[in-house]
């Protein structure tokens, strides 16, 4: 108010709700939202998406139902929050119902964000076959994020066929990303298919792919010291090995 802003201005309140939600102060965001006398669509969208983003799925869906009871018609932004809430809570059936209602009840055409939420929801729940079927029927073309989501889930649930399909599509979209090959190689390894894992690594090498080496940083009096997992020698390797041998002689446990 001291800066000339109207305390009851809905635009100011909406901005405050958005700010607090993005800063992680979701409880304060809810308090500010409840203090808004005449809430508009932006007010509802902001709080629903804020709650969903911070894992408060139940509260987000409650807000959505309250929003509709107040006569506010949801838009595509609203449904991003609703589907995100379902994703966090693993509500597959509810998510599918909300996704369907977008077009049938509100004439909203699903966009890539909505489809991505649904693929993530199905994948997290272990319904990878259904996720593939959903992708094939999507009104928009799947992007890198969607296929990477499916690839990651195939590693969790050891679904190698789905992983192979996801990698095939990812190679078309981002052919220079070796991380996708590594993920499928790890799936092969987890299933004991070491020949397939080796074959994939050879294919990576032949095409010029190289996985970035893991790096560890240690802060010392002289600054930051960097160590590589690839075996690249540190300038003081001999000194470090001598210290390690001395520590072992004192029965110090080393990882």
Foldseek 3Di string as FASTA:
>chain_A
DVVPDDLQDQVVLLVVLLVCLVVVVLVVSVVSLVVHPDDAQSSLLSNLQSCLVNQNLVVSVVSVVVCVVVVHQHAQSSLLSNLSSCQSVLVLVVLVVSVVCCCVPPNYQDDQSSLLSNLLSCLVNPNLVVSVVSQVPHPDHHALSSLVSSLVSCLVVLVLVSLVVSLVVNCVHCVQDCVSLVSSLVSCVVVVVNVVSVVSVVVCVVVPHDDDWDWDWDQDPVGIDIDTPVPPDDPCNVVVVVVVVVCVVVVDDDD
